[in-house]
């Protein structure tokens, strides 16, 4: 079957080191935190997300995908920027996505910090028990899509990435059946480049004088890309902007149902770094 290929930049020469990650047979939860440096109630949520990431790393198992249970992204919105401090990580695309998810949930309210799990708002993120229970529900489900990520060792200017999306046997078994599995015609894919270990001293606004630390902060957002019969490929050479640290970058990819915003599978991978 033919691949739907998306080339967003001209291909760059391959680097010496490569790494890859394939999503597991079960579903992995995509956790999206909508946050801002201009919001005084956001730093606790930022620390919470960092804590969840550290738990995965401490386990020693698949730290990029939180021990196979979650992929975390921090999306900084831009609607706080007019209130005294411009968030360097904020992008209009993140505000737009937050509005889209809220509209699918039939609400016009958006706020920070706000957390979504697999496209559904999750207000009990402050409860470790409730959060872990939500992840368990997702992990008990078979994934209708498989994602394979491949990264080449970044140089100071470029990160080469490839994401492939394919339907699984579970998806084929449910085709045409009455189930919660999305129709292949409704599937779309995204890729996000994120960066860890970011520190910023805030000079104005509600967090003036504070030193903030950011984890999984999204730097580049690619998508949505429509999948043909549940299949697709995204290949990109992402230019690294000044101030990005190649050693702290990673890439996440996920598939969602465009009709209701439900995320069907996700995976992530830290950038390879040459020894």
C-alpha atoms as a PDB file:
ATOM      1  CA  UNK A   1       0.000   0.000   0.000  1.00  0.00           C
ATOM      2  CA  UNK A   2       1.233   3.466  -0.838  1.00  0.00           C
ATOM      3  CA  UNK A   3       2.526   5.815   1.844  1.00  0.00           C
ATOM      4  CA  UNK A   4       1.181   9.331   2.152  1.00  0.00           C
ATOM      5  CA  UNK A   5       4.489  11.187   2.274  1.00  0.00           C
ATOM      6  CA  UNK A   6       4.852  14.693   3.696  1.00  0.00           C
ATOM      7  CA  UNK A   7       8.209  16.438   3.222  1.00  0.00           C
ATOM      8  CA  UNK A   8       8.224  19.760   5.046  1.00  0.00           C
ATOM      9  CA  UNK A   9      11.839  20.728   4.425  1.00  0.00           C
ATOM     10  CA  UNK A  10      14.544  19.578   2.082  1.00  0.00           C
ATOM     11  CA  UNK A  11      16.246  16.458   3.350  1.00  0.00           C
ATOM     12  CA  UNK A  12      19.553  17.006   5.091  1.00  0.00           C
ATOM     13  CA  UNK A  13      22.495  14.576   5.087  1.00  0.00           C
ATOM     14  CA  UNK A  14      22.184  11.781   7.641  1.00  0.00           C
ATOM     15  CA  UNK A  15      24.223  12.045  10.785  1.00  0.00           C
ATOM     16  CA  UNK A  16      26.319   9.248  12.248  1.00  0.00           C
ATOM     17  CA  UNK A  17      23.961   8.339  15.095  1.00  0.00           C
ATOM     18  CA  UNK A  18      20.357   7.270  14.647  1.00  0.00           C
ATOM     19  CA  UNK A  19      17.708   6.136  17.085  1.00  0.00           C
ATOM     20  CA  UNK A  20      14.176   4.821  16.746  1.00  0.00           C
ATOM     21  CA  UNK A  21      11.069   4.056  18.773  1.00  0.00           C
ATOM     22  CA  UNK A  22       7.939   2.044  17.945  1.00  0.00           C
ATOM     23  CA  UNK A  23       4.780   2.482  19.953  1.00  0.00           C
ATOM     24  CA  UNK A  24       3.580  -0.535  21.975  1.00  0.00           C
ATOM     25  CA  UNK A  25       0.518  -2.700  21.286  1.00  0.00           C
ATOM     26  CA  UNK A  26      -1.442  -0.878  23.984  1.00  0.00           C
ATOM     27  CA  UNK A  27      -2.498   2.743  23.827  1.00  0.00           C
ATOM     28  CA  UNK A  28      -0.196   5.378  25.297  1.00  0.00           C
ATOM     29  CA  UNK A  29      -1.776   8.475  26.856  1.00  0.00           C
ATOM     30  CA  UNK A  30      -0.964  11.866  25.374  1.00  0.00           C
ATOM     31  CA  UNK A  31      -0.890  14.406  28.213  1.00  0.00           C
ATOM     32  CA  UNK A  32      -1.119  18.014  27.027  1.00  0.00           C
ATOM     33  CA  UNK A  33      -0.492  20.815  29.508  1.00  0.00           C
ATOM     34  CA  UNK A  34      -1.580  24.289  28.386  1.00  0.00           C
ATOM     35  CA  UNK A  35       0.513  26.770  30.312  1.00  0.00           C
ATOM     36  CA  UNK A  36       2.130  30.221  30.233  1.00  0.00           C
ATOM     37  CA  UNK A  37       5.015  32.058  31.854  1.00  0.00           C
ATOM     38  CA  UNK A  38       2.611  34.947  32.428  1.00  0.00           C
ATOM     39  CA  UNK A  39       0.239  32.904  34.587  1.00  0.00           C
ATOM     40  CA  UNK A  40       0.903  32.802  38.349  1.00  0.00           C
ATOM     41  CA  UNK A  41      -1.004  29.532  38.794  1.00  0.00           C
ATOM     42  CA  UNK A  42       0.993  27.747  36.072  1.00  0.00           C
ATOM     43  CA  UNK A  43       4.369  27.063  37.783  1.00  0.00           C
ATOM     44  CA  UNK A  44       2.866  24.331  40.046  1.00  0.00           C
ATOM     45  CA  UNK A  45       1.471  22.616  36.936  1.00  0.00           C
ATOM     46  CA  UNK A  46       4.843  22.940  35.205  1.00  0.00           C
ATOM     47  CA  UNK A  47       6.486  21.254  38.211  1.00  0.00           C
ATOM     48  CA  UNK A  48       3.815  18.564  38.166  1.00  0.00           C
ATOM     49  CA  UNK A  49       4.583  17.751  34.526  1.00  0.00           C
ATOM     50  CA  UNK A  50       8.303  17.636  35.287  1.00  0.00           C
ATOM     51  CA  UNK A  51       7.568  15.262  38.177  1.00  0.00           C
ATOM     52  CA  UNK A  52       5.631  12.919  35.899  1.00  0.00           C
ATOM     53  CA  UNK A  53       8.507  12.904  33.431  1.00  0.00           C
ATOM     54  CA  UNK A  54      11.023  12.221  36.198  1.00  0.00           C
ATOM     55  CA  UNK A  55       8.966   9.230  37.353  1.00  0.00           C
ATOM     56  CA  UNK A  56       9.313   7.715  33.923  1.00  0.00           C
ATOM     57  CA  UNK A  57      13.028   8.378  33.770  1.00  0.00           C
ATOM     58  CA  UNK A  58      13.618   6.978  37.272  1.00  0.00           C
ATOM     59  CA  UNK A  59      11.928   3.714  36.322  1.00  0.00           C
ATOM     60  CA  UNK A  60      14.689   2.991  33.840  1.00  0.00           C
ATOM     61  CA  UNK A  61      12.121   1.831  31.268  1.00  0.00           C
ATOM     62  CA  UNK A  62      11.286   3.710  28.053  1.00  0.00           C
ATOM     63  CA  UNK A  63      11.775   7.109  29.628  1.00  0.00           C
ATOM     64  CA  UNK A  64      10.721   8.901  26.411  1.00  0.00           C
ATOM     65  CA  UNK A  65       7.244   7.363  26.671  1.00  0.00           C
ATOM     66  CA  UNK A  66       6.948   7.454  30.477  1.00  0.00           C
ATOM     67  CA  UNK A  67       7.580   3.747  30.897  1.00  0.00           C
ATOM     68  CA  UNK A  68       5.136   3.054  28.089  1.00  0.00           C
ATOM     69  CA  UNK A  69       2.237   4.872  29.779  1.00  0.00           C
ATOM     70  CA  UNK A  70       2.340   8.479  28.643  1.00  0.00           C
ATOM     71  CA  UNK A  71       3.802  11.092  26.351  1.00  0.00           C
ATOM     72  CA  UNK A  72       3.825  14.592  27.876  1.00  0.00           C
ATOM     73  CA  UNK A  73       3.808  17.927  26.036  1.00  0.00           C
ATOM     74  CA  UNK A  74       3.794  21.469  27.442  1.00  0.00           C
ATOM     75  CA  UNK A  75       2.116  23.863  25.023  1.00  0.00           C
ATOM     76  CA  UNK A  76       2.601  27.518  25.922  1.00  0.00           C
ATOM     77  CA  UNK A  77      -0.334  29.705  24.859  1.00  0.00           C
ATOM     78  CA  UNK A  78      -0.031  33.315  23.746  1.00  0.00           C
ATOM     79  CA  UNK A  79      -3.113  34.970  25.283  1.00  0.00           C
ATOM     80  CA  UNK A  80      -1.155  35.976  28.392  1.00  0.00           C
ATOM     81  CA  UNK A  81       1.472  37.835  26.355  1.00  0.00           C
ATOM     82  CA  UNK A  82      -0.387  41.159  26.423  1.00  0.00           C
ATOM     83  CA  UNK A  83      -0.422  41.290  30.233  1.00  0.00           C
ATOM     84  CA  UNK A  84       3.169  42.334  30.860  1.00  0.00           C
ATOM     85  CA  UNK A  85       5.382  39.385  29.893  1.00  0.00           C
ATOM     86  CA  UNK A  86       5.890  37.715  26.509  1.00  0.00           C
ATOM     87  CA  UNK A  87       6.355  33.953  26.826  1.00  0.00           C
ATOM     88  CA  UNK A  88       9.262  32.942  24.585  1.00  0.00           C
ATOM     89  CA  UNK A  89       7.726  29.484  24.041  1.00  0.00           C
ATOM     90  CA  UNK A  90       4.171  30.635  23.270  1.00  0.00           C
ATOM     91  CA  UNK A  91       2.720  30.037  19.807  1.00  0.00           C
ATOM     92  CA  UNK A  92      -0.686  30.953  18.358  1.00  0.00           C
ATOM     93  CA  UNK A  93      -1.007  27.356  17.105  1.00  0.00           C
ATOM     94  CA  UNK A  94      -1.110  26.111  20.696  1.00  0.00           C
ATOM     95  CA  UNK A  95      -3.888  28.520  21.609  1.00  0.00           C
ATOM     96  CA  UNK A  96      -5.757  27.415  18.508  1.00  0.00           C
ATOM     97  CA  UNK A  97      -5.432  23.743  19.462  1.00  0.00           C
ATOM     98  CA  UNK A  98      -6.645  24.436  22.984  1.00  0.00           C
ATOM     99  CA  UNK A  99      -9.677  26.233  21.540  1.00  0.00           C
ATOM    100  CA  UNK A 100     -10.355  23.339  19.154  1.00  0.00           C
ATOM    101  CA  UNK A 101     -10.254  20.747  21.933  1.00  0.00           C
ATOM    102  CA  UNK A 102     -12.543  22.895  24.064  1.00  0.00           C
ATOM    103  CA  UNK A 103     -14.980  23.322  21.165  1.00  0.00           C
ATOM    104  CA  UNK A 104     -15.100  19.552  20.633  1.00  0.00           C
ATOM    105  CA  UNK A 105     -15.971  19.255  24.324  1.00  0.00           C
ATOM    106  CA  UNK A 106     -18.759  21.789  23.668  1.00  0.00           C
ATOM    107  CA  UNK A 107     -17.300  24.472  25.910  1.00  0.00           C
ATOM    108  CA  UNK A 108     -15.916  27.885  25.052  1.00  0.00           C
ATOM    109  CA  UNK A 109     -13.882  28.178  28.246  1.00  0.00           C
ATOM    110  CA  UNK A 110     -10.111  27.972  27.949  1.00  0.00           C
ATOM    111  CA  UNK A 111      -7.749  28.640  30.831  1.00  0.00           C
ATOM    112  CA  UNK A 112      -4.302  27.923  32.205  1.00  0.00           C
ATOM    113  CA  UNK A 113      -3.161  25.594  33.500  1.00  0.00           C
ATOM    114  CA  UNK A 114      -5.388  23.135  31.661  1.00  0.00           C
ATOM    115  CA  UNK A 115      -4.627  19.443  31.129  1.00  0.00           C
ATOM    116  CA  UNK A 116      -5.963  17.099  28.468  1.00  0.00           C
ATOM    117  CA  UNK A 117      -5.474  13.323  28.359  1.00  0.00           C
ATOM    118  CA  UNK A 118      -5.977  11.850  24.892  1.00  0.00           C
ATOM    119  CA  UNK A 119      -7.953  14.894  23.803  1.00  0.00           C
ATOM    120  CA  UNK A 120     -10.236  14.973  26.853  1.00  0.00           C
ATOM    121  CA  UNK A 121     -10.026  17.629  29.558  1.00  0.00           C
ATOM    122  CA  UNK A 122      -8.721  16.205  32.844  1.00  0.00           C
ATOM    123  CA  UNK A 123      -9.254  18.443  35.851  1.00  0.00           C
ATOM    124  CA  UNK A 124      -8.068  15.995  38.524  1.00  0.00           C
ATOM    125  CA  UNK A 125      -4.415  16.106  37.486  1.00  0.00           C
ATOM    126  CA  UNK A 126      -3.470  17.297  40.995  1.00  0.00           C
ATOM    127  CA  UNK A 127      -4.504  13.916  42.368  1.00  0.00           C
ATOM    128  CA  UNK A 128      -1.786  11.329  41.793  1.00  0.00           C
ATOM    129  CA  UNK A 129      -4.279   8.509  42.285  1.00  0.00           C
ATOM    130  CA  UNK A 130      -6.784   9.942  39.812  1.00  0.00           C
ATOM    131  CA  UNK A 131      -4.060  10.660  37.265  1.00  0.00           C
ATOM    132  CA  UNK A 132      -2.585   7.159  37.487  1.00  0.00           C
ATOM    133  CA  UNK A 133      -6.054   5.640  37.249  1.00  0.00           C
ATOM    134  CA  UNK A 134      -6.687   7.606  34.054  1.00  0.00           C
ATOM    135  CA  UNK A 135      -3.416   6.345  32.571  1.00  0.00           C
ATOM    136  CA  UNK A 136      -4.313   2.782  33.524  1.00  0.00           C
ATOM    137  CA  UNK A 137      -7.636   3.037  31.667  1.00  0.00           C
ATOM    138  CA  UNK A 138      -5.801   4.097  28.513  1.00  0.00           C
ATOM    139  CA  UNK A 139      -3.080   1.446  28.814  1.00  0.00           C
ATOM    140  CA  UNK A 140      -5.640  -1.362  29.052  1.00  0.00           C
ATOM    141  CA  UNK A 141      -6.873  -0.592  25.529  1.00  0.00           C
ATOM    142  CA  UNK A 142      -5.359  -2.005  22.350  1.00  0.00           C
ATOM    143  CA  UNK A 143      -3.950   0.630  20.009  1.00  0.00           C
ATOM    144  CA  UNK A 144      -5.584   0.893  16.561  1.00  0.00           C
ATOM    145  CA  UNK A 145      -2.480   2.650  15.181  1.00  0.00           C
ATOM    146  CA  UNK A 146       1.262   1.976  15.310  1.00  0.00           C
ATOM    147  CA  UNK A 147       3.783   4.816  15.207  1.00  0.00           C
ATOM    148  CA  UNK A 148       7.473   4.443  14.397  1.00  0.00           C
ATOM    149  CA  UNK A 149       9.807   7.378  15.019  1.00  0.00           C
ATOM    150  CA  UNK A 150      13.332   7.678  13.684  1.00  0.00           C
ATOM    151  CA  UNK A 151      15.728  10.518  14.508  1.00  0.00           C
ATOM    152  CA  UNK A 152      19.220  11.309  13.354  1.00  0.00           C
ATOM    153  CA  UNK A 153      21.757  12.879  15.673  1.00  0.00           C
ATOM    154  CA  UNK A 154      21.155  16.638  15.476  1.00  0.00           C
ATOM    155  CA  UNK A 155      23.851  19.019  14.371  1.00  0.00           C
ATOM    156  CA  UNK A 156      23.853  22.656  15.503  1.00  0.00           C
ATOM    157  CA  UNK A 157      21.525  23.567  12.619  1.00  0.00           C
ATOM    158  CA  UNK A 158      19.231  20.627  11.861  1.00  0.00           C
ATOM    159  CA  UNK A 159      17.264  17.756  13.378  1.00  0.00           C
ATOM    160  CA  UNK A 160      16.202  15.083  10.881  1.00  0.00           C
ATOM    161  CA  UNK A 161      13.075  13.138  11.776  1.00  0.00           C
ATOM    162  CA  UNK A 162      10.735  10.593  10.281  1.00  0.00           C
ATOM    163  CA  UNK A 163       7.394   9.357  11.645  1.00  0.00           C
ATOM    164  CA  UNK A 164       5.465   6.471  10.094  1.00  0.00           C
ATOM    165  CA  UNK A 165       1.868   5.654  10.921  1.00  0.00           C
ATOM    166  CA  UNK A 166       0.208   2.302  10.191  1.00  0.00           C
ATOM    167  CA  UNK A 167      -3.044   0.649  11.296  1.00  0.00           C
ATOM    168  CA  UNK A 168      -2.700  -2.354  13.595  1.00  0.00           C
ATOM    169  CA  UNK A 169      -4.392  -5.730  13.449  1.00  0.00           C
ATOM    170  CA  UNK A 170      -6.754  -4.483  16.135  1.00  0.00           C
ATOM    171  CA  UNK A 171      -7.826  -1.676  13.837  1.00  0.00           C
ATOM    172  CA  UNK A 172      -8.454  -4.120  10.996  1.00  0.00           C
ATOM    173  CA  UNK A 173     -10.552  -6.408  13.211  1.00  0.00           C
ATOM    174  CA  UNK A 174     -12.755  -3.488  14.211  1.00  0.00           C
ATOM    175  CA  UNK A 175     -13.203  -2.127  10.700  1.00  0.00           C
ATOM    176  CA  UNK A 176     -16.910  -1.778   9.997  1.00  0.00           C
ATOM    177  CA  UNK A 177     -17.824  -3.013  13.475  1.00  0.00           C
ATOM    178  CA  UNK A 178     -19.717  -1.070  16.096  1.00  0.00           C
ATOM    179  CA  UNK A 179     -16.843   0.091  18.279  1.00  0.00           C
ATOM    180  CA  UNK A 180     -15.148   3.224  19.526  1.00  0.00           C
ATOM    181  CA  UNK A 181     -12.392   2.815  16.956  1.00  0.00           C
ATOM    182  CA  UNK A 182     -12.288   5.821  14.630  1.00  0.00           C
ATOM    183  CA  UNK A 183     -12.851   5.430  10.917  1.00  0.00           C
ATOM    184  CA  UNK A 184      -9.519   5.405   9.009  1.00  0.00           C
ATOM    185  CA  UNK A 185     -10.858   8.303   6.934  1.00  0.00           C
ATOM    186  CA  UNK A 186     -11.034  10.474  10.055  1.00  0.00           C
ATOM    187  CA  UNK A 187      -7.467   9.961  11.280  1.00  0.00           C
ATOM    188  CA  UNK A 188      -4.815  12.673  11.266  1.00  0.00           C
ATOM    189  CA  UNK A 189      -1.275  12.839  12.593  1.00  0.00           C
ATOM    190  CA  UNK A 190       0.913  15.372  14.376  1.00  0.00           C
ATOM    191  CA  UNK A 191       4.599  15.641  15.211  1.00  0.00           C
ATOM    192  CA  UNK A 192       5.995  17.926  17.919  1.00  0.00           C
ATOM    193  CA  UNK A 193       9.621  18.819  18.618  1.00  0.00           C
ATOM    194  CA  UNK A 194      10.088  19.564  22.325  1.00  0.00           C
ATOM    195  CA  UNK A 195      12.940  20.693  24.555  1.00  0.00           C
ATOM    196  CA  UNK A 196      13.764  19.905  28.193  1.00  0.00           C
ATOM    197  CA  UNK A 197      15.835  21.545  30.928  1.00  0.00           C
ATOM    198  CA  UNK A 198      14.827  25.108  30.102  1.00  0.00           C
ATOM    199  CA  UNK A 199      15.225  27.899  32.659  1.00  0.00           C
ATOM    200  CA  UNK A 200      13.884  31.431  32.406  1.00  0.00           C
ATOM    201  CA  UNK A 201      14.029  34.406  34.764  1.00  0.00           C
ATOM    202  CA  UNK A 202      10.747  36.291  34.472  1.00  0.00           C
ATOM    203  CA  UNK A 203      11.087  40.061  34.325  1.00  0.00           C
ATOM    204  CA  UNK A 204       7.459  41.210  34.410  1.00  0.00           C
ATOM    205  CA  UNK A 205       3.866  40.107  34.813  1.00  0.00           C
ATOM    206  CA  UNK A 206       2.352  37.858  37.483  1.00  0.00           C
ATOM    207  CA  UNK A 207       5.568  35.804  37.857  1.00  0.00           C
ATOM    208  CA  UNK A 208       7.941  38.773  37.968  1.00  0.00           C
ATOM    209  CA  UNK A 209      11.220  37.870  39.689  1.00  0.00           C
ATOM    210  CA  UNK A 210      10.573  34.115  39.557  1.00  0.00           C
ATOM    211  CA  UNK A 211      12.920  31.585  37.964  1.00  0.00           C
ATOM    212  CA  UNK A 212      10.827  29.097  36.003  1.00  0.00           C
ATOM    213  CA  UNK A 213      11.876  25.657  34.782  1.00  0.00           C
ATOM    214  CA  UNK A 214      10.242  24.050  31.761  1.00  0.00           C
ATOM    215  CA  UNK A 215       9.963  20.412  30.719  1.00  0.00           C
ATOM    216  CA  UNK A 216       8.655  19.006  27.407  1.00  0.00           C
ATOM    217  CA  UNK A 217       8.166  22.543  26.044  1.00  0.00           C
ATOM    218  CA  UNK A 218       7.034  22.280  22.426  1.00  0.00           C
ATOM    219  CA  UNK A 219       9.281  24.155  20.023  1.00  0.00           C
ATOM    220  CA  UNK A 220       7.909  23.050  16.656  1.00  0.00           C
ATOM    221  CA  UNK A 221       4.384  21.823  15.788  1.00  0.00           C
ATOM    222  CA  UNK A 222       3.768  19.877  12.562  1.00  0.00           C
ATOM    223  CA  UNK A 223       0.247  18.943  11.526  1.00  0.00           C
ATOM    224  CA  UNK A 224      -2.467  18.013  11.216  1.00  0.00           C
ATOM    225  CA  UNK A 225      -1.576  15.663   8.366  1.00  0.00           C
ATOM    226  CA  UNK A 226      -4.425  13.536   6.996  1.00  0.00           C
ATOM    227  CA  UNK A 227      -3.741   9.799   6.947  1.00  0.00           C
ATOM    228  CA  UNK A 228      -4.803   7.682   3.958  1.00  0.00           C
ATOM    229  CA  UNK A 229      -6.569   4.556   5.245  1.00  0.00           C
ATOM    230  CA  UNK A 230      -4.770   5.059   8.556  1.00  0.00           C
ATOM    231  CA  UNK A 231      -1.348   5.226   6.917  1.00  0.00           C
ATOM    232  CA  UNK A 232       1.089   8.071   6.462  1.00  0.00           C
ATOM    233  CA  UNK A 233       4.634   9.348   6.728  1.00  0.00           C
ATOM    234  CA  UNK A 234       6.032  12.648   7.938  1.00  0.00           C
ATOM    235  CA  UNK A 235       9.667  13.337   7.066  1.00  0.00           C
ATOM    236  CA  UNK A 236      11.276  16.640   7.985  1.00  0.00           C
ATOM    237  CA  UNK A 237      14.604  18.352   8.466  1.00  0.00           C
ATOM    238  CA  UNK A 238      13.779  20.798  11.240  1.00  0.00           C
ATOM    239  CA  UNK A 239      15.990  23.913  11.401  1.00  0.00           C
ATOM    240  CA  UNK A 240      17.238  24.499  14.941  1.00  0.00           C
ATOM    241  CA  UNK A 241      16.817  28.094  16.023  1.00  0.00           C
ATOM    242  CA  UNK A 242      19.385  29.997  18.105  1.00  0.00           C
ATOM    243  CA  UNK A 243      19.071  29.068  21.754  1.00  0.00           C
ATOM    244  CA  UNK A 244      17.863  25.513  21.150  1.00  0.00           C
ATOM    245  CA  UNK A 245      20.022  22.853  22.790  1.00  0.00           C
ATOM    246  CA  UNK A 246      20.225  19.804  20.458  1.00  0.00           C
ATOM    247  CA  UNK A 247      21.111  17.508  23.363  1.00  0.00           C
ATOM    248  CA  UNK A 248      17.858  18.390  25.165  1.00  0.00           C
ATOM    249  CA  UNK A 249      15.498  17.958  22.215  1.00  0.00           C
ATOM    250  CA  UNK A 250      12.990  15.194  21.620  1.00  0.00           C
ATOM    251  CA  UNK A 251      10.200  14.377  19.205  1.00  0.00           C
ATOM    252  CA  UNK A 252       6.659  13.175  19.904  1.00  0.00           C
ATOM    253  CA  UNK A 253       4.115  11.893  17.392  1.00  0.00           C
ATOM    254  CA  UNK A 254       0.454  11.061  17.792  1.00  0.00           C
ATOM    255  CA  UNK A 255      -2.658  10.082  15.856  1.00  0.00           C
ATOM    256  CA  UNK A 256      -6.082  11.512  16.595  1.00  0.00           C
ATOM    257  CA  UNK A 257      -9.652  11.279  15.384  1.00  0.00           C
ATOM    258  CA  UNK A 258     -10.384  14.665  13.819  1.00  0.00           C
ATOM    259  CA  UNK A 259     -14.115  14.272  14.480  1.00  0.00           C
ATOM    260  CA  UNK A 260     -13.925  14.265  18.283  1.00  0.00           C
ATOM    261  CA  UNK A 261     -10.233  14.968  19.060  1.00  0.00           C
ATOM    262  CA  UNK A 262      -9.612  11.593  20.716  1.00  0.00           C
ATOM    263  CA  UNK A 263      -5.935  10.598  20.585  1.00  0.00           C
ATOM    264  CA  UNK A 264      -5.595   6.953  19.538  1.00  0.00           C
ATOM    265  CA  UNK A 265      -1.850   6.480  19.975  1.00  0.00           C
ATOM    266  CA  UNK A 266       1.260   8.450  20.877  1.00  0.00           C
ATOM    267  CA  UNK A 267       4.980   7.890  21.252  1.00  0.00           C
ATOM    268  CA  UNK A 268       8.088  10.005  21.813  1.00  0.00           C
ATOM    269  CA  UNK A 269      11.847   9.776  21.483  1.00  0.00           C
ATOM    270  CA  UNK A 270      14.723  11.899  22.784  1.00  0.00           C
ATOM    271  CA  UNK A 271      17.191  13.148  20.204  1.00  0.00           C
ATOM    272  CA  UNK A 272      20.224  10.969  19.570  1.00  0.00           C
ATOM    273  CA  UNK A 273      23.464  12.605  20.603  1.00  0.00           C
ATOM    274  CA  UNK A 274      26.729  11.477  19.101  1.00  0.00           C
ATOM    275  CA  UNK A 275      29.316  10.329  21.674  1.00  0.00           C
END
